[in-house]
Amino acid sequence: MEHMVPISFIAGLFTWLILRRRYRTLQAIQVAAIERGVATVPPVAASDSRKTAWVLMALGVGFSIATYVSVSAVPGHGLDAPLAVSVWGLVPVLVGVALWAHHRRVHRANADTARPATVPHA
Protein backbone atom coordinates (compact mmCIF):
# COMPACT_ATOMS: atom_id res chain seq x y z
CA MET A 1 0.00 0.00 0.00
CA GLU A 2 2.93 2.34 0.62
CA HIS A 3 3.79 2.23 -3.10
CA MET A 4 0.42 3.64 -4.17
CA VAL A 5 1.30 7.29 -3.50
CA PRO A 6 4.43 7.37 -5.70
CA ILE A 7 2.70 5.36 -8.43
CA SER A 8 -0.33 7.66 -8.36
CA PHE A 9 1.92 10.72 -8.41
CA ILE A 10 3.89 9.46 -11.41
CA ALA A 11 0.69 8.52 -13.28
CA GLY A 12 -0.83 11.94 -12.53
CA LEU A 13 2.33 13.76 -13.61
CA PHE A 14 2.50 11.73 -16.83
CA THR A 15 -1.15 12.48 -17.61
CA TRP A 16 -0.66 16.18 -16.87
CA LEU A 17 2.35 16.36 -19.20
CA ILE A 18 0.44 14.70 -22.04
CA LEU A 19 -2.58 16.99 -21.61
CA ARG A 20 -0.36 20.06 -21.39
CA ARG A 21 1.39 19.09 -24.63
CA ARG A 22 -1.96 18.58 -26.40
CA TYR A 23 -3.25 21.92 -25.13
CA ARG A 24 -0.13 23.75 -26.35
CA THR A 25 -0.36 22.04 -29.74
CA LEU A 26 -4.01 23.04 -30.10
CA GLN A 27 -3.16 26.57 -29.01
CA ALA A 28 -0.39 26.79 -31.64
CA ILE A 29 -2.78 25.56 -34.34
CA GLN A 30 -5.34 28.19 -33.36
CA VAL A 31 -2.75 30.98 -33.38
CA ALA A 32 -1.53 29.88 -36.82
CA ALA A 33 -5.12 29.79 -38.10
CA ILE A 34 -5.80 33.29 -36.79
CA GLU A 35 -2.61 34.61 -38.41
CA ARG A 36 -3.68 33.18 -41.77
CA GLY A 37 -7.20 34.55 -41.42
CA VAL A 38 -8.78 31.11 -41.28
CA ALA A 39 -11.65 30.39 -38.91
CA THR A 40 -10.47 28.89 -35.64
CA VAL A 41 -11.30 25.42 -34.42
CA PRO A 42 -14.93 25.28 -33.26
CA PRO A 43 -15.54 24.95 -29.52
CA VAL A 44 -16.29 21.58 -27.98
CA ALA A 45 -19.95 20.63 -28.31
CA ALA A 46 -22.11 20.27 -25.22
CA SER A 47 -22.67 16.58 -25.96
CA ASP A 48 -18.95 15.93 -25.36
CA SER A 49 -19.22 17.09 -21.75
CA ARG A 50 -22.35 15.00 -21.30
CA LYS A 51 -20.40 11.97 -22.49
CA THR A 52 -17.83 12.59 -19.77
CA ALA A 53 -20.60 12.97 -17.21
CA TRP A 54 -22.15 9.64 -18.24
CA VAL A 55 -18.79 7.88 -17.95
CA LEU A 56 -18.03 9.40 -14.54
CA MET A 57 -21.46 8.44 -13.21
CA ALA A 58 -20.98 4.88 -14.46
CA LEU A 59 -17.55 4.72 -12.84
CA GLY A 60 -18.97 5.98 -9.57
CA VAL A 61 -21.80 3.46 -9.55
CA GLY A 62 -19.49 0.63 -10.60
CA PHE A 63 -16.89 1.39 -7.96
CA SER A 64 -19.57 1.82 -5.29
CA ILE A 65 -21.15 -1.56 -6.05
CA ALA A 66 -17.77 -3.29 -6.34
CA THR A 67 -16.51 -1.79 -3.09
CA TYR A 68 -19.70 -2.70 -1.25
CA VAL A 69 -19.54 -6.31 -2.43
CA SER A 70 -15.80 -6.57 -1.78
CA VAL A 71 -16.09 -5.18 1.74
CA SER A 72 -18.99 -7.48 2.52
CA ALA A 73 -16.75 -10.41 1.48
CA VAL A 74 -14.88 -10.07 4.75
CA PRO A 75 -14.75 -13.51 6.41
CA GLY A 76 -17.86 -14.23 8.39
CA HIS A 77 -20.27 -12.46 6.03
CA GLY A 78 -20.90 -15.54 3.91
CA LEU A 79 -19.64 -14.17 0.58
CA ASP A 80 -16.80 -15.98 -1.15
CA ALA A 81 -13.64 -14.30 -2.49
CA PRO A 82 -14.15 -15.09 -6.23
CA LEU A 83 -17.43 -13.19 -6.25
CA ALA A 84 -15.81 -10.25 -4.46
CA VAL A 85 -13.11 -10.08 -7.12
CA SER A 86 -15.33 -10.71 -10.14
CA VAL A 87 -17.74 -7.93 -9.20
CA TRP A 88 -15.04 -5.42 -10.22
CA GLY A 89 -15.89 -6.41 -13.79
CA LEU A 90 -19.01 -4.26 -13.37
CA VAL A 91 -16.92 -1.11 -13.70
CA PRO A 92 -16.00 -1.49 -17.41
CA VAL A 93 -19.46 -2.92 -18.12
CA LEU A 94 -21.14 0.17 -16.68
CA VAL A 95 -18.76 2.46 -18.59
CA GLY A 96 -19.72 0.60 -21.77
CA VAL A 97 -23.41 0.99 -20.95
CA ALA A 98 -22.91 4.72 -20.33
CA LEU A 99 -21.10 5.18 -23.67
CA TRP A 100 -23.79 3.18 -25.46
CA ALA A 101 -26.55 5.26 -23.84
CA HIS A 102 -24.76 8.45 -24.85
CA HIS A 103 -24.37 7.16 -28.42
CA ARG A 104 -28.08 6.38 -28.61
CA ARG A 105 -29.04 9.81 -27.23
CA VAL A 106 -26.79 11.69 -29.65
CA HIS A 107 -27.90 9.73 -32.69
CA ARG A 108 -31.56 10.03 -31.74
CA ALA A 109 -31.14 13.80 -31.36
CA ASN A 110 -29.33 13.99 -34.72
CA ALA A 111 -32.07 11.95 -36.40
CA ASP A 112 -34.74 14.27 -34.98
CA THR A 113 -32.99 17.38 -36.28
CA ALA A 114 -32.30 15.83 -39.69
CA ARG A 115 -35.98 15.17 -40.42
CA PRO A 116 -37.60 17.85 -42.52
CA ALA A 117 -40.41 19.74 -40.87
CA THR A 118 -43.79 18.75 -42.23
CA VAL A 119 -46.41 21.38 -42.87
CA PRO A 120 -49.93 20.24 -42.00
CA HIS A 121 -52.36 20.35 -44.89
CA ALA A 122 -55.38 22.58 -44.46
C-alpha atoms as a PDB file:
ATOM      1  CA  MET A   1       0.000   0.000   0.000  1.00  0.00           C
ATOM      2  CA  GLU A   2       2.930   2.337   0.618  1.00  0.00           C
ATOM      3  CA  HIS A   3       3.786   2.231  -3.102  1.00  0.00           C
ATOM      4  CA  MET A   4       0.421   3.638  -4.165  1.00  0.00           C
ATOM      5  CA  VAL A   5       1.300   7.290  -3.500  1.00  0.00           C
ATOM      6  CA  PRO A   6       4.434   7.371  -5.702  1.00  0.00           C
ATOM      7  CA  ILE A   7       2.699   5.360  -8.428  1.00  0.00           C
ATOM      8  CA  SER A   8      -0.331   7.664  -8.362  1.00  0.00           C
ATOM      9  CA  PHE A   9       1.917  10.721  -8.409  1.00  0.00           C
ATOM     10  CA  ILE A  10       3.890   9.457 -11.408  1.00  0.00           C
ATOM     11  CA  ALA A  11       0.692   8.524 -13.278  1.00  0.00           C
ATOM     12  CA  GLY A  12      -0.830  11.940 -12.528  1.00  0.00           C
ATOM     13  CA  LEU A  13       2.326  13.761 -13.612  1.00  0.00           C
ATOM     14  CA  PHE A  14       2.501  11.734 -16.829  1.00  0.00           C
ATOM     15  CA  THR A  15      -1.153  12.482 -17.605  1.00  0.00           C
ATOM     16  CA  TRP A  16      -0.662  16.181 -16.874  1.00  0.00           C
ATOM     17  CA  LEU A  17       2.354  16.362 -19.200  1.00  0.00           C
ATOM     18  CA  ILE A  18       0.435  14.703 -22.040  1.00  0.00           C
ATOM     19  CA  LEU A  19      -2.582  16.987 -21.611  1.00  0.00           C
ATOM     20  CA  ARG A  20      -0.356  20.057 -21.389  1.00  0.00           C
ATOM     21  CA  ARG A  21       1.387  19.088 -24.631  1.00  0.00           C
ATOM     22  CA  ARG A  22      -1.957  18.578 -26.399  1.00  0.00           C
ATOM     23  CA  TYR A  23      -3.246  21.923 -25.134  1.00  0.00           C
ATOM     24  CA  ARG A  24      -0.135  23.751 -26.351  1.00  0.00           C
ATOM     25  CA  THR A  25      -0.361  22.044 -29.744  1.00  0.00           C
ATOM     26  CA  LEU A  26      -4.010  23.043 -30.097  1.00  0.00           C
ATOM     27  CA  GLN A  27      -3.158  26.573 -29.012  1.00  0.00           C
ATOM     28  CA  ALA A  28      -0.385  26.789 -31.642  1.00  0.00           C
ATOM     29  CA  ILE A  29      -2.780  25.558 -34.340  1.00  0.00           C
ATOM     30  CA  GLN A  30      -5.344  28.193 -33.361  1.00  0.00           C
ATOM     31  CA  VAL A  31      -2.754  30.979 -33.381  1.00  0.00           C
ATOM     32  CA  ALA A  32      -1.527  29.879 -36.822  1.00  0.00           C
ATOM     33  CA  ALA A  33      -5.118  29.791 -38.098  1.00  0.00           C
ATOM     34  CA  ILE A  34      -5.800  33.287 -36.790  1.00  0.00           C
ATOM     35  CA  GLU A  35      -2.607  34.614 -38.407  1.00  0.00           C
ATOM     36  CA  ARG A  36      -3.681  33.181 -41.767  1.00  0.00           C
ATOM     37  CA  GLY A  37      -7.195  34.547 -41.422  1.00  0.00           C
ATOM     38  CA  VAL A  38      -8.784  31.109 -41.279  1.00  0.00           C
ATOM     39  CA  ALA A  39     -11.650  30.394 -38.915  1.00  0.00           C
ATOM     40  CA  THR A  40     -10.473  28.894 -35.644  1.00  0.00           C
ATOM     41  CA  VAL A  41     -11.299  25.421 -34.420  1.00  0.00           C
ATOM     42  CA  PRO A  42     -14.928  25.279 -33.263  1.00  0.00           C
ATOM     43  CA  PRO A  43     -15.539  24.954 -29.521  1.00  0.00           C
ATOM     44  CA  VAL A  44     -16.293  21.585 -27.982  1.00  0.00           C
ATOM     45  CA  ALA A  45     -19.946  20.632 -28.313  1.00  0.00           C
ATOM     46  CA  ALA A  46     -22.110  20.274 -25.220  1.00  0.00           C
ATOM     47  CA  SER A  47     -22.668  16.582 -25.957  1.00  0.00           C
ATOM     48  CA  ASP A  48     -18.954  15.935 -25.361  1.00  0.00           C
ATOM     49  CA  SER A  49     -19.219  17.095 -21.747  1.00  0.00           C
ATOM     50  CA  ARG A  50     -22.352  14.998 -21.299  1.00  0.00           C
ATOM     51  CA  LYS A  51     -20.399  11.973 -22.490  1.00  0.00           C
ATOM     52  CA  THR A  52     -17.828  12.595 -19.772  1.00  0.00           C
ATOM     53  CA  ALA A  53     -20.598  12.967 -17.206  1.00  0.00           C
ATOM     54  CA  TRP A  54     -22.153   9.642 -18.244  1.00  0.00           C
ATOM     55  CA  VAL A  55     -18.786   7.880 -17.955  1.00  0.00           C
ATOM     56  CA  LEU A  56     -18.034   9.401 -14.543  1.00  0.00           C
ATOM     57  CA  MET A  57     -21.459   8.445 -13.213  1.00  0.00           C
ATOM     58  CA  ALA A  58     -20.979   4.882 -14.461  1.00  0.00           C
ATOM     59  CA  LEU A  59     -17.546   4.719 -12.842  1.00  0.00           C
ATOM     60  CA  GLY A  60     -18.965   5.980  -9.567  1.00  0.00           C
ATOM     61  CA  VAL A  61     -21.804   3.459  -9.550  1.00  0.00           C
ATOM     62  CA  GLY A  62     -19.488   0.635 -10.596  1.00  0.00           C
ATOM     63  CA  PHE A  63     -16.886   1.394  -7.959  1.00  0.00           C
ATOM     64  CA  SER A  64     -19.569   1.821  -5.288  1.00  0.00           C
ATOM     65  CA  ILE A  65     -21.146  -1.559  -6.047  1.00  0.00           C
ATOM     66  CA  ALA A  66     -17.769  -3.287  -6.341  1.00  0.00           C
ATOM     67  CA  THR A  67     -16.511  -1.790  -3.086  1.00  0.00           C
ATOM     68  CA  TYR A  68     -19.702  -2.700  -1.247  1.00  0.00           C
ATOM     69  CA  VAL A  69     -19.537  -6.310  -2.428  1.00  0.00           C
ATOM     70  CA  SER A  70     -15.797  -6.569  -1.777  1.00  0.00           C
ATOM     71  CA  VAL A  71     -16.093  -5.182   1.739  1.00  0.00           C
ATOM     72  CA  SER A  72     -18.995  -7.485   2.519  1.00  0.00           C
ATOM     73  CA  ALA A  73     -16.750 -10.409   1.479  1.00  0.00           C
ATOM     74  CA  VAL A  74     -14.879 -10.073   4.747  1.00  0.00           C
ATOM     75  CA  PRO A  75     -14.746 -13.510   6.413  1.00  0.00           C
ATOM     76  CA  GLY A  76     -17.859 -14.228   8.392  1.00  0.00           C
ATOM     77  CA  HIS A  77     -20.266 -12.463   6.027  1.00  0.00           C
ATOM     78  CA  GLY A  78     -20.898 -15.537   3.911  1.00  0.00           C
ATOM     79  CA  LEU A  79     -19.636 -14.172   0.583  1.00  0.00           C
ATOM     80  CA  ASP A  80     -16.805 -15.977  -1.152  1.00  0.00           C
ATOM     81  CA  ALA A  81     -13.645 -14.301  -2.495  1.00  0.00           C
ATOM     82  CA  PRO A  82     -14.146 -15.089  -6.233  1.00  0.00           C
ATOM     83  CA  LEU A  83     -17.433 -13.191  -6.250  1.00  0.00           C
ATOM     84  CA  ALA A  84     -15.814 -10.255  -4.465  1.00  0.00           C
ATOM     85  CA  VAL A  85     -13.111 -10.085  -7.123  1.00  0.00           C
ATOM     86  CA  SER A  86     -15.330 -10.713 -10.144  1.00  0.00           C
ATOM     87  CA  VAL A  87     -17.744  -7.927  -9.201  1.00  0.00           C
ATOM     88  CA  TRP A  88     -15.040  -5.416 -10.218  1.00  0.00           C
ATOM     89  CA  GLY A  89     -15.886  -6.406 -13.789  1.00  0.00           C
ATOM     90  CA  LEU A  90     -19.009  -4.264 -13.371  1.00  0.00           C
ATOM     91  CA  VAL A  91     -16.924  -1.111 -13.702  1.00  0.00           C
ATOM     92  CA  PRO A  92     -16.005  -1.494 -17.410  1.00  0.00           C
ATOM     93  CA  VAL A  93     -19.456  -2.923 -18.119  1.00  0.00           C
ATOM     94  CA  LEU A  94     -21.143   0.166 -16.676  1.00  0.00           C
ATOM     95  CA  VAL A  95     -18.765   2.456 -18.588  1.00  0.00           C
ATOM     96  CA  GLY A  96     -19.724   0.603 -21.770  1.00  0.00           C
ATOM     97  CA  VAL A  97     -23.412   0.990 -20.946  1.00  0.00           C
ATOM     98  CA  ALA A  98     -22.906   4.724 -20.332  1.00  0.00           C
ATOM     99  CA  LEU A  99     -21.105   5.176 -23.665  1.00  0.00           C
ATOM    100  CA  TRP A 100     -23.794   3.179 -25.462  1.00  0.00           C
ATOM    101  CA  ALA A 101     -26.554   5.262 -23.839  1.00  0.00           C
ATOM    102  CA  HIS A 102     -24.760   8.454 -24.855  1.00  0.00           C
ATOM    103  CA  HIS A 103     -24.368   7.161 -28.418  1.00  0.00           C
ATOM    104  CA  ARG A 104     -28.085   6.381 -28.606  1.00  0.00           C
ATOM    105  CA  ARG A 105     -29.043   9.811 -27.230  1.00  0.00           C
ATOM    106  CA  VAL A 106     -26.786  11.693 -29.648  1.00  0.00           C
ATOM    107  CA  HIS A 107     -27.902   9.726 -32.692  1.00  0.00           C
ATOM    108  CA  ARG A 108     -31.562  10.026 -31.742  1.00  0.00           C
ATOM    109  CA  ALA A 109     -31.139  13.799 -31.361  1.00  0.00           C
ATOM    110  CA  ASN A 110     -29.330  13.987 -34.718  1.00  0.00           C
ATOM    111  CA  ALA A 111     -32.074  11.945 -36.398  1.00  0.00           C
ATOM    112  CA  ASP A 112     -34.741  14.268 -34.984  1.00  0.00           C
ATOM    113  CA  THR A 113     -32.988  17.384 -36.280  1.00  0.00           C
ATOM    114  CA  ALA A 114     -32.297  15.827 -39.692  1.00  0.00           C
ATOM    115  CA  ARG A 115     -35.980  15.172 -40.419  1.00  0.00           C
ATOM    116  CA  PRO A 116     -37.604  17.849 -42.525  1.00  0.00           C
ATOM    117  CA  ALA A 117     -40.405  19.741 -40.868  1.00  0.00           C
ATOM    118  CA  THR A 118     -43.788  18.755 -42.227  1.00  0.00           C
ATOM    119  CA  VAL A 119     -46.411  21.377 -42.873  1.00  0.00           C
ATOM    120  CA  PRO A 120     -49.931  20.244 -41.996  1.00  0.00           C
ATOM    121  CA  HIS A 121     -52.360  20.349 -44.891  1.00  0.00           C
ATOM    122  CA  ALA A 122     -55.379  22.576 -44.464  1.00  0.00           C
END
